[in-house]
């Protein structure tokens, strides 16, 4: 959300399925500051179809809290995240 407020025009926020309700809730709570709804998408690093649906390439990929599940480390590294 902060990157959007800094002037980036197209921002997609992703997370795994169990976290999506919280992500959407946080966006809804911050909508007055954001002035519009940002895009959200479910994403598991190893899921090629989900990756393709995001329509890469991207100028920037900012990742936070992405390795709290051990099984996500290898797919993230395979994707070029490390």
N, C-alpha and C. Protein backbone atom coordinates (compact mmCIF):
# COMPACT_ATOMS: atom_id res chain seq x y z
N UNK A 1 0.83 -1.18 0.00
CA UNK A 1 0.00 0.00 0.00
C UNK A 1 0.87 1.24 0.00
N UNK A 2 1.95 1.18 0.75
CA UNK A 2 2.85 2.33 0.83
C UNK A 2 3.46 2.69 -0.51
N UNK A 3 3.79 1.69 -1.32
CA UNK A 3 4.36 1.95 -2.64
C UNK A 3 3.37 2.66 -3.53
N UNK A 4 2.11 2.30 -3.44
CA UNK A 4 1.07 3.00 -4.21
C UNK A 4 1.01 4.46 -3.78
N UNK A 5 1.06 4.69 -2.47
CA UNK A 5 1.00 6.06 -1.97
C UNK A 5 2.22 6.87 -2.38
N UNK A 6 3.34 6.19 -2.68
CA UNK A 6 4.54 6.88 -3.15
C UNK A 6 4.49 7.18 -4.65
N UNK A 7 3.46 6.71 -5.33
CA UNK A 7 3.31 7.06 -6.73
C UNK A 7 3.33 5.92 -7.74
N UNK A 8 3.56 4.69 -7.31
CA UNK A 8 3.48 3.58 -8.25
C UNK A 8 2.01 3.40 -8.64
N UNK A 9 1.76 3.24 -9.93
CA UNK A 9 0.37 3.23 -10.41
C UNK A 9 -0.27 1.86 -10.41
N UNK A 10 0.50 0.83 -10.69
CA UNK A 10 -0.09 -0.51 -10.71
C UNK A 10 0.61 -1.36 -9.67
N UNK A 11 -0.11 -1.67 -8.62
CA UNK A 11 0.42 -2.45 -7.51
C UNK A 11 -0.50 -3.66 -7.32
N UNK A 12 0.08 -4.85 -7.26
CA UNK A 12 -0.68 -6.06 -7.01
C UNK A 12 -0.18 -6.65 -5.69
N UNK A 13 -1.08 -6.82 -4.75
CA UNK A 13 -0.75 -7.41 -3.46
C UNK A 13 -1.15 -8.88 -3.49
N UNK A 14 -0.22 -9.76 -3.14
CA UNK A 14 -0.49 -11.19 -3.19
C UNK A 14 -0.23 -11.84 -1.84
N UNK A 15 -0.87 -12.97 -1.63
CA UNK A 15 -0.61 -13.79 -0.45
C UNK A 15 -1.23 -15.15 -0.67
N UNK A 16 -0.99 -16.05 0.26
CA UNK A 16 -1.56 -17.39 0.17
C UNK A 16 -3.02 -17.34 0.62
N UNK A 17 -3.77 -18.36 0.23
CA UNK A 17 -5.22 -18.39 0.46
C UNK A 17 -5.65 -18.08 1.89
N UNK A 18 -5.04 -18.68 2.92
CA UNK A 18 -5.53 -18.41 4.27
C UNK A 18 -5.39 -16.95 4.72
N UNK A 19 -4.52 -16.20 4.06
CA UNK A 19 -4.26 -14.82 4.47
C UNK A 19 -5.07 -13.81 3.65
N UNK A 20 -5.65 -14.24 2.53
CA UNK A 20 -6.37 -13.31 1.66
C UNK A 20 -7.49 -12.54 2.35
N UNK A 21 -8.29 -13.15 3.23
CA UNK A 21 -9.33 -12.36 3.90
C UNK A 21 -8.74 -11.19 4.71
N UNK A 22 -7.64 -11.41 5.39
CA UNK A 22 -7.02 -10.33 6.17
C UNK A 22 -6.46 -9.26 5.25
N UNK A 23 -5.86 -9.66 4.14
CA UNK A 23 -5.33 -8.70 3.18
C UNK A 23 -6.45 -7.81 2.63
N UNK A 24 -7.54 -8.42 2.23
CA UNK A 24 -8.68 -7.66 1.70
C UNK A 24 -9.29 -6.76 2.76
N UNK A 25 -9.36 -7.24 3.99
CA UNK A 25 -9.89 -6.44 5.10
C UNK A 25 -9.01 -5.20 5.31
N UNK A 26 -7.69 -5.38 5.31
CA UNK A 26 -6.79 -4.25 5.50
C UNK A 26 -6.91 -3.23 4.38
N UNK A 27 -7.08 -3.70 3.16
CA UNK A 27 -7.27 -2.77 2.04
C UNK A 27 -8.56 -1.98 2.19
N UNK A 28 -9.61 -2.67 2.61
CA UNK A 28 -10.90 -2.00 2.79
C UNK A 28 -10.79 -0.92 3.86
N UNK A 29 -10.09 -1.21 4.95
CA UNK A 29 -9.92 -0.24 6.03
C UNK A 29 -9.10 0.97 5.59
N UNK A 30 -8.19 0.77 4.65
CA UNK A 30 -7.32 1.84 4.19
C UNK A 30 -7.81 2.52 2.91
N UNK A 31 -8.97 2.14 2.41
CA UNK A 31 -9.46 2.68 1.15
C UNK A 31 -9.54 4.21 1.15
N UNK A 32 -9.95 4.88 2.23
CA UNK A 32 -9.97 6.35 2.17
C UNK A 32 -8.60 6.95 1.85
N UNK A 33 -7.54 6.38 2.37
CA UNK A 33 -6.20 6.90 2.09
C UNK A 33 -5.72 6.50 0.70
N UNK A 34 -6.16 5.34 0.23
CA UNK A 34 -5.70 4.83 -1.06
C UNK A 34 -6.43 5.45 -2.24
N UNK A 35 -7.64 5.92 -2.05
CA UNK A 35 -8.48 6.53 -3.09
C UNK A 35 -8.99 5.54 -4.13
N UNK A 36 -8.48 4.34 -4.15
CA UNK A 36 -8.99 3.31 -5.06
C UNK A 36 -8.64 1.95 -4.47
N UNK A 37 -9.24 0.92 -5.03
CA UNK A 37 -8.96 -0.43 -4.57
C UNK A 37 -7.77 -0.98 -5.35
N UNK A 38 -6.78 -1.47 -4.64
CA UNK A 38 -5.63 -2.08 -5.28
C UNK A 38 -5.96 -3.52 -5.68
N UNK A 39 -5.23 -4.04 -6.63
CA UNK A 39 -5.44 -5.42 -7.07
C UNK A 39 -4.89 -6.39 -6.03
N UNK A 40 -5.60 -7.48 -5.86
CA UNK A 40 -5.13 -8.55 -4.98
C UNK A 40 -5.19 -9.86 -5.75
N UNK A 41 -4.34 -10.79 -5.38
CA UNK A 41 -4.34 -12.10 -6.02
C UNK A 41 -3.75 -13.13 -5.07
N UNK A 42 -4.32 -14.31 -5.13
CA UNK A 42 -3.76 -15.43 -4.37
C UNK A 42 -2.51 -15.89 -5.10
N UNK A 43 -1.44 -16.17 -4.35
CA UNK A 43 -0.20 -16.61 -4.99
C UNK A 43 0.58 -17.55 -4.09
N UNK A 44 0.84 -18.73 -4.63
CA UNK A 44 1.79 -19.66 -4.04
C UNK A 44 2.97 -19.68 -5.00
N UNK A 45 4.18 -19.46 -4.50
CA UNK A 45 5.36 -19.29 -5.35
C UNK A 45 5.56 -20.39 -6.37
N UNK A 46 5.22 -21.62 -6.07
CA UNK A 46 5.44 -22.71 -7.01
C UNK A 46 4.33 -22.90 -8.02
N UNK A 47 3.27 -22.12 -7.95
CA UNK A 47 2.11 -22.31 -8.82
C UNK A 47 2.27 -21.48 -10.10
N UNK A 48 2.66 -22.15 -11.18
CA UNK A 48 2.93 -21.46 -12.45
C UNK A 48 1.70 -20.74 -13.01
N UNK A 49 0.53 -21.35 -12.88
CA UNK A 49 -0.68 -20.72 -13.42
C UNK A 49 -1.00 -19.42 -12.69
N UNK A 50 -0.83 -19.41 -11.36
CA UNK A 50 -1.06 -18.19 -10.60
C UNK A 50 -0.04 -17.12 -11.01
N UNK A 51 1.21 -17.51 -11.20
CA UNK A 51 2.23 -16.55 -11.63
C UNK A 51 1.88 -15.95 -12.98
N UNK A 52 1.50 -16.79 -13.94
CA UNK A 52 1.16 -16.30 -15.28
C UNK A 52 -0.05 -15.38 -15.25
N UNK A 53 -1.01 -15.66 -14.37
CA UNK A 53 -2.21 -14.82 -14.30
C UNK A 53 -1.91 -13.40 -13.83
N UNK A 54 -0.76 -13.21 -13.19
CA UNK A 54 -0.36 -11.87 -12.75
C UNK A 54 0.23 -11.05 -13.89
N UNK A 55 0.49 -11.68 -15.01
CA UNK A 55 0.99 -11.05 -16.22
C UNK A 55 2.36 -10.40 -16.05
N UNK A 56 3.38 -11.19 -15.68
CA UNK A 56 4.73 -10.64 -15.61
C UNK A 56 5.21 -10.25 -17.01
N UNK A 57 6.29 -9.51 -17.17
CA UNK A 57 7.29 -9.15 -16.17
C UNK A 57 6.87 -7.93 -15.35
N UNK A 58 7.55 -7.75 -14.25
CA UNK A 58 7.29 -6.63 -13.35
C UNK A 58 8.53 -5.75 -13.27
N UNK A 59 8.31 -4.47 -13.01
CA UNK A 59 9.44 -3.57 -12.79
C UNK A 59 10.09 -3.85 -11.45
N UNK A 60 9.27 -4.13 -10.44
CA UNK A 60 9.76 -4.40 -9.10
C UNK A 60 8.96 -5.54 -8.49
N UNK A 61 9.62 -6.35 -7.69
CA UNK A 61 8.95 -7.33 -6.85
C UNK A 61 9.46 -7.09 -5.44
N UNK A 62 8.57 -6.66 -4.57
CA UNK A 62 8.90 -6.41 -3.18
C UNK A 62 8.30 -7.55 -2.38
N UNK A 63 9.12 -8.29 -1.68
CA UNK A 63 8.64 -9.45 -0.94
C UNK A 63 8.89 -9.26 0.56
N UNK A 64 7.86 -9.49 1.34
CA UNK A 64 7.99 -9.43 2.80
C UNK A 64 7.30 -10.64 3.41
N UNK A 65 7.86 -11.16 4.46
CA UNK A 65 7.27 -12.30 5.16
C UNK A 65 6.95 -13.46 4.23
N UNK A 66 7.85 -13.77 3.31
CA UNK A 66 7.55 -14.80 2.32
C UNK A 66 8.10 -16.18 2.66
N UNK A 67 8.84 -16.31 3.73
CA UNK A 67 9.42 -17.61 4.05
C UNK A 67 9.05 -18.09 5.44
N UNK A 68 7.86 -17.77 5.89
CA UNK A 68 7.42 -18.25 7.19
C UNK A 68 6.94 -19.69 7.13
N UNK A 69 6.75 -20.22 5.94
CA UNK A 69 6.44 -21.64 5.76
C UNK A 69 7.63 -22.27 5.04
N UNK A 70 8.23 -23.27 5.66
CA UNK A 70 9.45 -23.88 5.11
C UNK A 70 9.28 -24.34 3.66
N UNK A 71 8.11 -24.86 3.34
CA UNK A 71 7.90 -25.39 1.99
C UNK A 71 7.85 -24.30 0.92
N UNK A 72 7.83 -23.03 1.30
CA UNK A 72 7.81 -21.95 0.30
C UNK A 72 9.21 -21.48 -0.08
N UNK A 73 10.23 -21.91 0.63
CA UNK A 73 11.59 -21.42 0.37
C UNK A 73 12.09 -21.87 -1.00
N UNK A 74 12.04 -23.16 -1.31
CA UNK A 74 12.57 -23.66 -2.58
C UNK A 74 11.85 -23.04 -3.79
N UNK A 75 10.52 -22.97 -3.82
CA UNK A 75 9.86 -22.34 -4.97
C UNK A 75 10.22 -20.85 -5.12
N UNK A 76 10.42 -20.16 -4.02
CA UNK A 76 10.80 -18.75 -4.09
C UNK A 76 12.19 -18.61 -4.71
N UNK A 77 13.13 -19.43 -4.28
CA UNK A 77 14.49 -19.37 -4.83
C UNK A 77 14.48 -19.75 -6.31
N UNK A 78 13.69 -20.76 -6.66
CA UNK A 78 13.57 -21.17 -8.06
C UNK A 78 13.06 -20.02 -8.92
N UNK A 79 12.18 -19.20 -8.38
CA UNK A 79 11.60 -18.06 -9.07
C UNK A 79 12.60 -16.92 -9.23
N UNK A 80 13.74 -17.01 -8.57
CA UNK A 80 14.72 -15.93 -8.68
C UNK A 80 14.69 -14.99 -7.50
N UNK A 81 14.11 -15.41 -6.40
CA UNK A 81 14.01 -14.55 -5.24
C UNK A 81 15.18 -14.64 -4.30
N UNK A 82 16.26 -15.27 -4.67
CA UNK A 82 17.37 -15.37 -3.75
C UNK A 82 18.65 -15.79 -4.41
